[in-house]
């Protein structure tokens, strides 16, 4: 993502000539390579993910190759709070165009509310920047088509930051499938378990509104649909889905606006004290006067219009069927993936409950033995079990030609992962009719 200026200045040319003349009498002295300029990165969206993962962690681990040159947020207080948490002196903005024009970044990182990603992606391209964006790429097919059309007109590139690909278990699954460890894949069962902490948190925040997140089938499940698309290396073609709001929202006898003012604190098991998290206080509660956003919103609010119970079937171009489920109110957290092949089965299980955690990749061969796969990549330090730092290593330090597992995710990957979730939402809204991906956009 960085570029090197190979032009030799007049002074450098004279110095090089002097060194060459001296070499005729003694020995040659090689020219020292000029240090490569740091990547100039601007950040739009200074909430938790932006300020910490793409702010603090980038400054801590990549300051030698990356310089954050500007921060933008529609909430001016949050932009300043993000700047303080990151610990930089870059200017802050509420106007995206002004930030780009004044700071001239090479790349802009988009970590805003999902439903606004497309605006900054498209405008970033138009203003001459490469764009990196958090998943999902977009939340509906109109946004997706607009991004695809904008990319055709631009020489710049789009990177979608799918950190789930970088989990050691996910990488091992990809490697085993490339090796045909289970033969030809026939079907995949993918089950996502979100507990009463992590799962509930989506219903406290802006994600609770379909217009912001596209539902969890887009916001959360785009991770999982990307994994399936990547593992199978095939095009999703048709989607059929069921979904409902069976637990949160209107499914309770009492409710409030947010936890801090709730009269039911003593009886609600979902009461959550945001003031116990100093970073959230800085980024959210102290910034409420600007936009009214409540980080500790009530999970029982009547305006919640996303699903908490979801089932999806995806048919791929290579004939594989993916069965996907997600539930958001379970007593434990994790996921279970089973890949069924012509010569065996591959199981990836991750469960976290009450202080207990178990991760396993298991290979069972037809007419053969079953064994846990032991040679997993060592887990790294950092958020999401080190997946974020692995991804950032590849983005900021990785050689562009070295990617045997195809970990890098671009526009096409981002579009397809979002489109599976978008198609699933349309299927639910149409009484679980089958929706074809090609009917949504022109890829």
Protein backbone atom coordinates (compact mmCIF):
# COMPACT_ATOMS: atom_id res chain seq x y z
CA UNK A 1 0.00 0.00 0.00
CA UNK A 2 3.00 2.22 0.24
CA UNK A 3 4.86 3.53 -2.77
CA UNK A 4 8.54 4.24 -3.28
CA UNK A 5 9.79 7.24 -5.28
CA UNK A 6 12.59 5.91 -7.48
CA UNK A 7 13.56 9.34 -8.85
CA UNK A 8 17.22 10.26 -8.01
CA UNK A 9 17.73 13.91 -7.08
CA UNK A 10 20.66 15.97 -8.50
CA UNK A 11 22.36 15.98 -5.07
CA UNK A 12 22.02 12.19 -4.78
CA UNK A 13 23.37 11.78 -8.31
CA UNK A 14 26.46 13.90 -7.52
CA UNK A 15 27.04 11.99 -4.28
CA UNK A 16 26.72 8.70 -6.11
CA UNK A 17 29.18 9.88 -8.75
CA UNK A 18 31.73 10.87 -6.08
CA UNK A 19 31.44 7.46 -4.45
CA UNK A 20 31.96 5.75 -7.81
CA UNK A 21 35.13 7.79 -8.49
CA UNK A 22 36.53 6.93 -5.07
CA UNK A 23 35.87 3.27 -5.77
CA UNK A 24 38.38 3.29 -8.64
CA UNK A 25 41.16 3.84 -6.10
CA UNK A 26 39.89 1.70 -3.22
CA UNK A 27 36.48 -0.08 -3.21
CA UNK A 28 32.89 0.74 -4.08
CA UNK A 29 30.49 2.09 -1.46
CA UNK A 30 26.81 1.13 -2.05
CA UNK A 31 24.20 3.85 -1.84
CA UNK A 32 22.07 3.70 1.29
CA UNK A 33 18.41 3.05 0.49
CA UNK A 34 16.18 6.00 1.29
CA UNK A 35 13.66 5.24 4.05
CA UNK A 36 10.20 4.50 2.70
CA UNK A 37 7.55 7.09 3.59
CA UNK A 38 4.96 6.01 6.11
CA UNK A 39 1.46 5.22 4.92
CA UNK A 40 -0.76 8.26 5.57
CA UNK A 41 -4.04 6.94 6.98
CA UNK A 42 -7.16 8.90 7.91
CA UNK A 43 -9.90 7.43 10.09
CA UNK A 44 -13.63 8.12 9.83
CA UNK A 45 -15.70 6.85 12.74
CA UNK A 46 -14.05 7.20 16.16
CA UNK A 47 -16.16 4.84 18.23
CA UNK A 48 -14.72 1.84 20.05
CA UNK A 49 -13.61 -0.13 16.98
CA UNK A 50 -12.15 2.91 15.26
CA UNK A 51 -10.37 4.50 18.22
CA UNK A 52 -9.00 1.27 19.69
CA UNK A 53 -8.40 -1.31 16.93
CA UNK A 54 -7.61 1.13 14.13
CA UNK A 55 -6.27 3.85 16.40
CA UNK A 56 -4.50 2.73 19.57
CA UNK A 57 -3.40 -0.65 18.19
CA UNK A 58 -2.09 0.84 14.94
CA UNK A 59 -0.12 3.50 16.80
CA UNK A 60 1.27 0.90 19.20
CA UNK A 61 2.26 -1.68 16.62
CA UNK A 62 2.77 0.11 13.31
CA UNK A 63 3.91 3.70 13.91
CA UNK A 64 7.08 3.00 11.94
CA UNK A 65 5.04 2.33 8.78
CA UNK A 66 1.71 4.12 9.38
CA UNK A 67 0.90 7.71 10.33
CA UNK A 68 -2.66 8.61 11.33
CA UNK A 69 -3.11 12.05 9.79
CA UNK A 70 -6.75 12.83 10.55
CA UNK A 71 -9.81 11.74 12.53
CA UNK A 72 -13.41 12.34 11.50
CA UNK A 73 -16.72 11.75 13.28
CA UNK A 74 -20.15 13.35 13.01
CA UNK A 75 -19.88 13.81 16.79
CA UNK A 76 -17.14 16.41 17.38
CA UNK A 77 -16.74 15.42 21.04
CA UNK A 78 -16.22 11.78 20.11
CA UNK A 79 -13.60 12.74 17.55
CA UNK A 80 -11.69 14.60 20.26
CA UNK A 81 -12.18 11.74 22.74
CA UNK A 82 -10.87 9.30 20.15
CA UNK A 83 -7.84 11.48 19.55
CA UNK A 84 -7.06 11.49 23.29
CA UNK A 85 -7.47 7.71 23.60
CA UNK A 86 -5.28 7.06 20.56
CA UNK A 87 -2.67 9.50 21.85
CA UNK A 88 -1.89 11.44 18.67
CA UNK A 89 -1.84 15.08 17.59
CA UNK A 90 -3.71 14.65 14.31
CA UNK A 91 -6.45 17.18 13.57
CA UNK A 92 -10.11 16.21 14.06
CA UNK A 93 -13.01 16.94 11.71
CA UNK A 94 -16.76 16.57 11.42
CA UNK A 95 -16.59 17.13 7.64
CA UNK A 96 -15.19 14.15 5.71
CA UNK A 97 -14.31 16.05 2.53
CA UNK A 98 -12.47 18.68 4.50
CA UNK A 99 -10.42 16.03 6.31
CA UNK A 100 -9.37 14.40 3.04
CA UNK A 101 -8.60 17.69 1.31
CA UNK A 102 -6.56 19.06 4.22
CA UNK A 103 -4.68 15.93 5.32
CA UNK A 104 -4.21 14.22 1.90
CA UNK A 105 -4.16 10.61 3.15
CA UNK A 106 -3.10 7.64 1.04
CA UNK A 107 -5.78 5.49 2.65
CA UNK A 108 -8.98 6.14 4.57
CA UNK A 109 -10.24 3.62 7.14
CA UNK A 110 -14.05 3.46 7.50
CA UNK A 111 -15.40 2.43 10.91
CA UNK A 112 -18.72 4.28 11.00
CA UNK A 113 -22.26 2.94 11.47
CA UNK A 114 -22.76 0.15 8.90
CA UNK A 115 -25.50 1.92 6.99
CA UNK A 116 -23.13 4.81 6.20
CA UNK A 117 -20.08 2.80 5.05
CA UNK A 118 -20.98 3.19 1.38
CA UNK A 119 -20.97 7.00 1.56
CA UNK A 120 -17.41 7.20 2.83
CA UNK A 121 -16.17 4.35 0.63
CA UNK A 122 -17.47 6.01 -2.52
CA UNK A 123 -16.40 9.51 -1.54
CA UNK A 124 -12.97 8.26 -0.49
CA UNK A 125 -12.46 6.76 -3.95
CA UNK A 126 -13.68 9.95 -5.62
CA UNK A 127 -11.19 12.00 -3.61
CA UNK A 128 -8.28 9.78 -4.68
CA UNK A 129 -7.81 7.50 -1.66
CA UNK A 130 -7.48 3.78 -1.27
CA UNK A 131 -10.22 2.64 1.11
CA UNK A 132 -10.24 0.10 3.92
CA UNK A 133 -13.56 -0.63 5.58
CA UNK A 134 -14.85 -2.66 8.47
CA UNK A 135 -17.40 -5.30 7.60
CA UNK A 136 -20.03 -5.20 6.30
CA UNK A 137 -19.21 -3.46 3.05
CA UNK A 138 -22.83 -2.28 2.78
CA UNK A 139 -26.30 -2.97 4.16
CA UNK A 140 -28.52 -3.13 1.05
CA UNK A 141 -28.23 -3.91 -2.64
CA UNK A 142 -28.48 -0.26 -3.75
CA UNK A 143 -25.45 0.64 -1.65
CA UNK A 144 -23.62 -2.41 -3.01
CA UNK A 145 -24.29 -1.49 -6.63
CA UNK A 146 -23.22 2.11 -6.00
CA UNK A 147 -19.89 0.92 -4.54
CA UNK A 148 -19.32 -1.50 -7.44
CA UNK A 149 -20.02 1.29 -9.94
CA UNK A 150 -17.71 3.71 -8.12
CA UNK A 151 -14.88 1.18 -8.11
CA UNK A 152 -15.14 0.80 -11.88
CA UNK A 153 -14.46 4.53 -12.26
CA UNK A 154 -11.52 4.59 -9.85
CA UNK A 155 -7.93 3.42 -10.00
CA UNK A 156 -7.91 3.02 -6.21
CA UNK A 157 -8.67 -0.19 -4.34
CA UNK A 158 -11.03 -1.30 -1.58
CA UNK A 159 -9.99 -3.64 1.23
CA UNK A 160 -12.55 -5.20 3.58
CA UNK A 161 -11.05 -6.04 6.97
CA UNK A 162 -12.35 -9.56 7.62
CA UNK A 163 -10.39 -10.43 10.76
CA UNK A 164 -12.30 -13.73 11.20
CA UNK A 165 -10.21 -15.22 8.38
CA UNK A 166 -7.13 -14.70 10.55
CA UNK A 167 -8.14 -16.91 13.48
CA UNK A 168 -5.73 -19.88 13.72
CA UNK A 169 -8.62 -22.35 13.47
CA UNK A 170 -10.09 -20.63 10.41
CA UNK A 171 -6.71 -20.71 8.67
CA UNK A 172 -6.30 -24.41 9.45
CA UNK A 173 -9.75 -25.19 8.05
CA UNK A 174 -8.84 -23.36 4.83
CA UNK A 175 -5.54 -25.24 4.58
CA UNK A 176 -7.18 -28.63 5.10
CA UNK A 177 -9.81 -27.88 2.47
CA UNK A 178 -7.12 -26.84 -0.02
CA UNK A 179 -5.46 -30.19 0.71
CA UNK A 180 -8.76 -31.99 0.05
CA UNK A 181 -8.62 -33.55 3.52
CA UNK A 182 -12.34 -34.42 3.36
CA UNK A 183 -12.52 -34.83 -0.41
CA UNK A 184 -15.12 -32.76 -2.26
CA UNK A 185 -17.27 -30.66 0.06
CA UNK A 186 -20.97 -31.53 -0.09
CA UNK A 187 -22.53 -29.43 2.67
CA UNK A 188 -21.68 -27.10 5.56
CA UNK A 189 -23.45 -26.62 8.91
CA UNK A 190 -22.57 -23.31 10.61
CA UNK A 191 -24.08 -22.39 13.98
CA UNK A 192 -23.35 -19.09 15.76
CA UNK A 193 -23.98 -18.85 19.51
CA UNK A 194 -24.26 -15.37 21.04
CA UNK A 195 -24.76 -15.16 24.79
CA UNK A 196 -26.69 -12.86 27.11
CA UNK A 197 -23.70 -10.50 27.28
CA UNK A 198 -22.29 -10.23 23.76
CA UNK A 199 -25.57 -11.04 22.05
CA UNK A 200 -27.57 -8.63 24.19
CA UNK A 201 -25.13 -5.81 23.48
CA UNK A 202 -26.24 -5.62 19.85
CA UNK A 203 -29.74 -4.77 21.08
CA UNK A 204 -28.43 -1.96 23.31
CA UNK A 205 -26.61 -0.18 20.51
CA UNK A 206 -27.35 1.31 17.09
CA UNK A 207 -27.35 -2.21 15.63
CA UNK A 208 -30.90 -2.70 16.97
CA UNK A 209 -32.27 -0.72 14.02
CA UNK A 210 -32.43 -2.38 10.62
CA UNK A 211 -31.66 0.91 8.86
CA UNK A 212 -28.33 1.12 10.71
CA UNK A 213 -27.07 -2.46 10.62
CA UNK A 214 -29.04 -4.24 7.91
CA UNK A 215 -29.92 -6.67 10.76
CA UNK A 216 -27.41 -9.06 12.31
CA UNK A 217 -27.66 -11.15 9.14
CA UNK A 218 -25.57 -8.38 7.56
CA UNK A 219 -23.64 -6.84 10.46
CA UNK A 220 -22.64 -9.99 12.36
CA UNK A 221 -23.22 -12.81 9.89
CA UNK A 222 -21.21 -11.14 7.11
CA UNK A 223 -18.18 -12.47 9.02
CA UNK A 224 -19.57 -15.99 8.82
CA UNK A 225 -20.78 -15.80 5.24
CA UNK A 226 -17.34 -14.53 4.25
CA UNK A 227 -15.73 -17.51 5.99
CA UNK A 228 -18.02 -19.91 4.14
CA UNK A 229 -17.43 -18.17 0.78
CA UNK A 230 -13.67 -18.19 1.42
CA UNK A 231 -13.49 -21.79 2.59
CA UNK A 232 -15.63 -23.06 -0.29
CA UNK A 233 -14.08 -20.78 -2.93
CA UNK A 234 -17.41 -20.65 -4.72
CA UNK A 235 -20.11 -18.13 -5.58
CA UNK A 236 -23.27 -18.04 -3.42
CA UNK A 237 -26.25 -18.20 -5.77
CA UNK A 238 -29.53 -18.58 -3.87
CA UNK A 239 -30.64 -17.80 -0.32
CA UNK A 240 -33.67 -18.87 1.71
CA UNK A 241 -34.12 -17.68 5.29
CA UNK A 242 -36.31 -17.49 8.37
CA UNK A 243 -35.98 -14.88 11.10
CA UNK A 244 -37.87 -13.43 14.01
CA UNK A 245 -37.58 -11.25 17.11
CA UNK A 246 -38.49 -13.75 19.81
CA UNK A 247 -36.54 -12.63 22.88
CA UNK A 248 -35.55 -8.94 22.95
CA UNK A 249 -37.54 -5.81 22.11
CA UNK A 250 -41.27 -6.11 22.70
CA UNK A 251 -40.85 -9.54 24.35
CA UNK A 252 -40.84 -8.21 27.92
CA UNK A 253 -43.33 -6.70 30.35
CA UNK A 254 -41.24 -3.61 31.20
CA UNK A 255 -38.76 -1.32 29.46
CA UNK A 256 -36.95 1.99 29.68
CA UNK A 257 -34.85 4.19 27.39
CA UNK A 258 -31.46 3.22 28.84
CA UNK A 259 -29.98 1.51 31.87
CA UNK A 260 -28.73 4.53 33.83
CA UNK A 261 -32.23 5.93 34.32
CA UNK A 262 -34.12 2.64 34.41
CA UNK A 263 -36.58 2.16 37.31
CA UNK A 264 -36.27 -1.63 36.91
CA UNK A 265 -32.55 -1.94 37.65
CA UNK A 266 -33.06 -4.33 40.53
CA UNK A 267 -35.23 -6.80 38.64
CA UNK A 268 -33.76 -6.67 35.12
CA UNK A 269 -31.08 -9.29 34.50
CA UNK A 270 -29.88 -7.25 31.53
CA UNK A 271 -29.09 -4.10 33.52
CA UNK A 272 -25.63 -2.92 32.47
CA UNK A 273 -23.60 -0.09 34.01
CA UNK A 274 -21.74 1.68 31.21
CA UNK A 275 -19.98 3.95 33.73
CA UNK A 276 -17.81 1.02 34.83
CA UNK A 277 -15.93 1.23 31.51
CA UNK A 278 -13.76 4.40 31.44
CA UNK A 279 -13.22 4.21 27.68
CA UNK A 280 -16.95 3.98 27.00
CA UNK A 281 -17.53 6.94 29.30
CA UNK A 282 -15.07 9.00 27.25
CA UNK A 283 -16.34 7.85 23.85
CA UNK A 284 -20.05 7.70 24.55
CA UNK A 285 -21.59 9.00 27.77
CA UNK A 286 -19.59 12.23 27.74
CA UNK A 287 -20.51 12.75 24.08
CA UNK A 288 -24.29 12.25 24.35
CA UNK A 289 -25.00 15.98 24.30
CA UNK A 290 -23.89 16.12 20.65
CA UNK A 291 -26.11 13.46 19.09
CA UNK A 292 -28.16 11.79 21.84
CA UNK A 293 -26.66 8.35 21.21
CA UNK A 294 -27.11 6.08 24.26
CA UNK A 295 -24.51 3.31 24.55
CA UNK A 296 -26.49 1.62 27.36
CA UNK A 297 -29.83 1.48 25.57
CA UNK A 298 -32.58 -0.79 26.88
CA UNK A 299 -32.70 -4.22 25.23
CA UNK A 300 -36.50 -4.18 25.56
CA UNK A 301 -37.17 -1.01 23.54
CA UNK A 302 -40.17 -1.19 21.24
CA UNK A 303 -38.25 0.29 18.29
CA UNK A 304 -35.97 -2.78 17.95
CA UNK A 305 -36.64 -4.15 14.47
CA UNK A 306 -33.82 -6.68 13.86
CA UNK A 307 -33.97 -10.44 14.38
CA UNK A 308 -32.59 -12.35 17.35
CA UNK A 309 -33.36 -15.81 15.91
CA UNK A 310 -32.15 -16.62 12.38
CA UNK A 311 -31.88 -19.62 10.03
CA UNK A 312 -30.45 -19.44 6.50
CA UNK A 313 -29.82 -21.89 3.66
CA UNK A 314 -27.39 -20.85 0.91
CA UNK A 315 -26.87 -22.72 -2.35
CA UNK A 316 -23.46 -22.29 -3.99
CA UNK A 317 -22.42 -22.43 -7.62
CA UNK A 318 -20.44 -25.63 -6.96
CA UNK A 319 -23.56 -27.32 -5.55
CA UNK A 320 -22.65 -27.04 -1.85
CA UNK A 321 -25.44 -26.19 0.59
CA UNK A 322 -24.69 -24.04 3.66
CA UNK A 323 -27.07 -24.24 6.60
CA UNK A 324 -26.54 -21.29 8.97
CA UNK A 325 -28.19 -20.42 12.28
CA UNK A 326 -27.64 -17.60 14.76
CA UNK A 327 -29.25 -17.11 18.17
CA UNK A 328 -28.44 -14.14 20.39
CA UNK A 329 -29.69 -14.97 23.91
CA UNK A 330 -27.88 -18.21 24.78
CA UNK A 331 -26.18 -19.21 28.06
CA UNK A 332 -22.82 -19.54 26.31
CA UNK A 333 -20.84 -17.99 23.48
CA UNK A 334 -19.21 -19.65 20.50
CA UNK A 335 -19.77 -21.38 17.20
CA UNK A 336 -19.84 -24.80 15.64
CA UNK A 337 -18.90 -25.46 12.02
CA UNK A 338 -19.11 -28.86 10.34
CA UNK A 339 -17.90 -29.37 6.78
CA UNK A 340 -19.16 -32.60 5.25
CA UNK A 341 -17.16 -34.06 2.39
CA UNK A 342 -17.00 -37.09 0.14
CA UNK A 343 -14.15 -38.60 2.20
CA UNK A 344 -14.82 -37.31 5.71
CA UNK A 345 -15.92 -34.49 7.97
CA UNK A 346 -14.16 -31.47 9.43
CA UNK A 347 -15.48 -29.97 12.69
CA UNK A 348 -14.48 -26.61 14.13
CA UNK A 349 -15.89 -25.93 17.59
CA UNK A 350 -15.41 -22.88 19.80
CA UNK A 351 -17.30 -22.59 23.09
CA UNK A 352 -16.88 -20.11 25.96
CA UNK A 353 -19.05 -20.48 29.06
CA UNK A 354 -18.66 -19.59 32.75
CA UNK A 355 -14.89 -19.40 32.63
CA UNK A 356 -14.63 -22.53 30.46
CA UNK A 357 -13.27 -22.33 26.91
CA UNK A 358 -12.70 -25.02 24.33
CA UNK A 359 -11.43 -24.62 20.78
CA UNK A 360 -10.93 -27.64 18.57
CA UNK A 361 -10.51 -28.51 14.92
CA UNK A 362 -11.28 -32.22 14.39
CA UNK A 363 -10.75 -34.25 11.24
CA UNK A 364 -12.72 -37.48 10.86
CA UNK A 365 -12.01 -39.56 7.78
CA UNK A 366 -14.63 -41.87 6.29
CA UNK A 367 -13.74 -45.48 7.20
CA UNK A 368 -10.86 -44.08 9.21
CA UNK A 369 -9.99 -42.50 12.53
CA UNK A 370 -11.07 -39.24 14.14
CA UNK A 371 -8.39 -36.96 15.54
CA UNK A 372 -8.00 -33.43 16.84
CA UNK A 373 -5.80 -31.33 14.59
CA UNK A 374 -2.78 -30.29 16.65
CA UNK A 375 -0.58 -28.17 14.38
CA UNK A 376 -2.57 -24.95 14.69
CA UNK A 377 -0.85 -21.60 14.38
CA UNK A 378 0.08 -20.22 17.80
CA UNK A 379 -2.43 -17.67 19.07
CA UNK A 380 -1.15 -14.11 19.10
CA UNK A 381 -1.60 -11.24 21.51
CA UNK A 382 -4.22 -8.69 20.64
CA UNK A 383 -7.96 -8.33 20.24
CA UNK A 384 -10.15 -11.10 18.82
CA UNK A 385 -7.63 -13.71 19.88
CA UNK A 386 -4.85 -12.08 17.88
CA UNK A 387 -6.82 -12.12 14.63
CA UNK A 388 -6.73 -8.31 14.44
CA UNK A 389 -2.94 -8.12 14.74
CA UNK A 390 -2.52 -10.91 12.17
CA UNK A 391 -4.73 -9.00 9.76
CA UNK A 392 -2.96 -5.71 10.41
CA UNK A 393 0.43 -7.37 9.91
CA UNK A 394 -0.67 -8.47 6.48
CA UNK A 395 -2.17 -5.09 5.59
CA UNK A 396 0.67 -2.92 6.84
CA UNK A 397 3.72 -5.19 6.60
CA UNK A 398 2.79 -8.09 4.36
CA UNK A 399 4.39 -8.69 0.98
CA UNK A 400 1.71 -8.24 -1.68
CA UNK A 401 2.59 -11.47 -3.47
CA UNK A 402 2.67 -13.77 -0.44
CA UNK A 403 -0.82 -14.98 0.44
CA UNK A 404 -1.13 -18.76 -0.05
CA UNK A 405 -4.43 -18.97 1.87
CA UNK A 406 -5.92 -15.96 0.05
CA UNK A 407 -6.47 -14.11 3.32
CA UNK A 408 -6.74 -10.69 1.70
CA UNK A 409 -10.34 -9.64 1.17
CA UNK A 410 -11.26 -7.13 -1.50
CA UNK A 411 -14.38 -5.58 -2.97
CA UNK A 412 -15.75 -8.82 -4.45
CA UNK A 413 -15.42 -10.65 -1.12
CA UNK A 414 -17.03 -7.81 0.79
CA UNK A 415 -19.91 -7.57 -1.67
CA UNK A 416 -20.72 -11.29 -1.61
CA UNK A 417 -20.62 -11.60 2.17
CA UNK A 418 -23.00 -8.64 2.53
CA UNK A 419 -25.24 -9.83 -0.28
CA UNK A 420 -25.87 -13.21 1.37
CA UNK A 421 -27.14 -11.40 4.45
CA UNK A 422 -29.10 -8.88 2.38
CA UNK A 423 -30.70 -11.71 0.40
CA UNK A 424 -31.53 -13.51 3.67
CA UNK A 425 -33.26 -10.40 5.01
CA UNK A 426 -35.28 -10.03 1.80
CA UNK A 427 -36.21 -13.72 1.95
CA UNK A 428 -37.59 -13.29 5.48
CA UNK A 429 -39.49 -10.15 4.50
CA UNK A 430 -41.01 -12.03 1.53
CA UNK A 431 -42.28 -14.96 3.58
CA UNK A 432 -39.09 -17.03 3.20
CA UNK A 433 -39.08 -16.97 -0.58
CA UNK A 434 -35.80 -17.90 -2.27
CA UNK A 435 -33.76 -14.86 -3.35
CA UNK A 436 -31.12 -15.03 -6.07
CA UNK A 437 -27.94 -13.02 -5.58
CA UNK A 438 -27.76 -12.09 -9.26
CA UNK A 439 -31.19 -10.48 -9.01
CA UNK A 440 -29.88 -8.01 -6.44
CA UNK A 441 -26.83 -6.51 -8.20
CA UNK A 442 -24.78 -6.75 -11.36
CA UNK A 443 -21.50 -8.17 -10.11
